[in-house]
Amino acid sequence: MEPASEIFPLWVIALDYVSGVVMWTLIGRTAMGFFLSEDSSFFFMRFFVRATNPLLSFFAPVTPGFLLPALVPLYVAWFFYMLRFYLMPWLLGYTVMGMLSFPLESEIAGLIYRTLSPQ
């Protein structure tokens, strides 16, 4: 398996990593929101709320009012998923990228595979 840096240009990797981290942070906030309130003193929840509130405010005009407040971060994460899964390949000229073709998740999957595979 070739490293992502040999397959994609640097700007693609940087854009994917940033949008991937944003997407997973929003998903993390949604998951933690099922167990903790937004004003929780738990440091991970405070980080998720502080890091994602500006994005939620930015996407507020396109967020439907009928969504439960706990699901709004997941809705915004969907936009970043769509950017990564559909817009990025289209901009790069690919018709299909396939499973685990996201550079961020590909690198993480490779790391897990190398760590857990028998020597």
Protein backbone atom coordinates (compact mmCIF):
# COMPACT_ATOMS: atom_id res chain seq x y z
CA MET A 1 0.00 0.00 0.00
CA GLU A 2 1.50 3.29 -1.10
CA PRO A 3 1.52 6.24 1.32
CA ALA A 4 -1.05 8.93 0.60
CA SER A 5 1.76 11.45 0.03
CA GLU A 6 2.86 9.50 -3.07
CA ILE A 7 -0.64 9.23 -4.49
CA PHE A 8 -2.18 12.67 -3.84
CA PRO A 9 -0.81 16.23 -4.06
CA LEU A 10 -0.03 17.92 -0.73
CA TRP A 11 -3.01 20.30 -0.94
CA VAL A 12 -5.38 17.32 -1.27
CA ILE A 13 -3.93 15.63 1.80
CA ALA A 14 -4.03 18.87 3.82
CA LEU A 15 -7.64 19.62 2.80
CA ASP A 16 -8.70 16.04 3.52
CA TYR A 17 -6.96 15.93 6.91
CA VAL A 18 -8.49 19.24 8.01
CA SER A 19 -12.00 18.37 6.81
CA GLY A 20 -11.62 14.85 8.24
CA VAL A 21 -10.63 16.11 11.67
CA VAL A 22 -13.53 18.59 11.60
CA MET A 23 -15.95 15.85 10.54
CA TRP A 24 -14.80 13.40 13.23
CA THR A 25 -14.84 16.15 15.88
CA LEU A 26 -18.46 16.92 15.01
CA ILE A 27 -19.31 13.21 15.16
CA GLY A 28 -17.53 12.99 18.53
CA ARG A 29 -19.55 15.90 19.84
CA THR A 30 -22.76 14.20 18.72
CA ALA A 31 -21.78 10.94 20.40
CA MET A 32 -20.76 12.64 23.65
CA GLY A 33 -23.91 14.75 23.53
CA PHE A 34 -25.96 11.59 24.08
CA PHE A 35 -24.30 11.15 27.48
CA LEU A 36 -23.31 14.67 28.59
CA SER A 37 -24.93 18.07 28.43
CA GLU A 38 -23.34 20.87 26.41
CA ASP A 39 -22.34 22.73 29.58
CA SER A 40 -20.63 19.68 31.10
CA SER A 41 -17.34 20.28 32.89
CA PHE A 42 -15.76 17.17 31.30
CA PHE A 43 -12.74 18.44 29.36
CA PHE A 44 -13.42 16.47 26.15
CA MET A 45 -16.97 17.81 25.97
CA ARG A 46 -15.77 21.35 26.65
CA PHE A 47 -13.25 20.97 23.79
CA PHE A 48 -15.85 19.55 21.38
CA VAL A 49 -18.32 22.34 22.18
CA ARG A 50 -15.72 25.11 21.99
CA ALA A 51 -14.21 23.78 18.75
CA THR A 52 -17.47 23.13 16.92
CA ASN A 53 -19.76 25.98 18.00
CA PRO A 54 -18.36 28.37 15.34
CA LEU A 55 -19.09 25.76 12.64
CA LEU A 56 -22.59 25.17 13.93
CA SER A 57 -23.21 28.92 13.86
CA PHE A 58 -21.84 29.14 10.31
CA PHE A 59 -24.10 26.32 9.10
CA ALA A 60 -27.16 27.58 11.04
CA PRO A 61 -28.78 29.17 7.93
CA VAL A 62 -28.90 25.78 6.16
CA THR A 63 -29.73 23.68 9.23
CA PRO A 64 -33.40 22.63 9.32
CA GLY A 65 -35.30 23.81 12.37
CA PHE A 66 -36.95 20.42 12.94
CA LEU A 67 -33.65 18.71 13.84
CA LEU A 68 -33.13 17.78 17.46
CA PRO A 69 -30.36 20.00 18.90
CA ALA A 70 -28.27 16.92 19.73
CA LEU A 71 -28.23 15.92 16.04
CA VAL A 72 -27.21 19.27 14.58
CA PRO A 73 -23.45 18.51 14.82
CA LEU A 74 -24.04 15.24 12.95
CA TYR A 75 -25.93 17.13 10.25
CA VAL A 76 -23.01 19.55 9.83
CA ALA A 77 -20.55 16.60 9.79
CA TRP A 78 -22.54 15.25 6.85
CA PHE A 79 -21.53 18.32 4.81
CA PHE A 80 -17.86 17.58 5.45
CA TYR A 81 -18.41 13.94 4.52
CA MET A 82 -20.05 15.00 1.27
CA LEU A 83 -17.12 17.33 0.55
CA ARG A 84 -14.64 14.53 1.13
CA PHE A 85 -16.54 11.74 -0.64
CA TYR A 86 -18.00 13.55 -3.65
CA LEU A 87 -16.40 16.97 -4.21
CA MET A 88 -12.75 15.99 -3.67
CA PRO A 89 -12.78 13.09 -6.18
CA TRP A 90 -14.64 15.24 -8.69
CA LEU A 91 -12.09 18.05 -8.34
CA LEU A 92 -9.28 15.51 -8.79
CA GLY A 93 -10.92 14.00 -11.87
CA TYR A 94 -11.76 10.60 -10.38
CA THR A 95 -15.07 8.93 -11.10
CA VAL A 96 -14.84 6.57 -8.11
CA MET A 97 -12.32 6.53 -5.27
CA GLY A 98 -13.42 3.37 -3.43
CA MET A 99 -13.43 2.24 0.18
CA LEU A 100 -10.76 3.67 2.50
CA SER A 101 -9.64 6.09 -0.17
CA PHE A 102 -9.78 9.03 2.20
CA PRO A 103 -6.13 9.81 2.98
CA LEU A 104 -6.79 10.41 6.70
CA GLU A 105 -8.68 7.17 7.28
CA SER A 106 -6.33 5.27 4.94
CA GLU A 107 -3.32 6.27 7.02
CA ILE A 108 -5.10 5.35 10.26
CA ALA A 109 -6.23 1.97 8.84
CA GLY A 110 -2.67 1.26 7.66
CA LEU A 111 -1.28 2.11 11.09
CA ILE A 112 -3.79 -0.18 12.80
CA TYR A 113 -3.01 -2.97 10.33
CA ARG A 114 0.75 -2.66 10.84
CA THR A 115 0.31 -2.53 14.62
CA LEU A 116 -2.00 -5.53 14.90
CA SER A 117 -0.61 -7.79 12.16
CA PRO A 118 1.56 -10.68 13.31
CA GLN A 119 5.24 -10.21 12.60
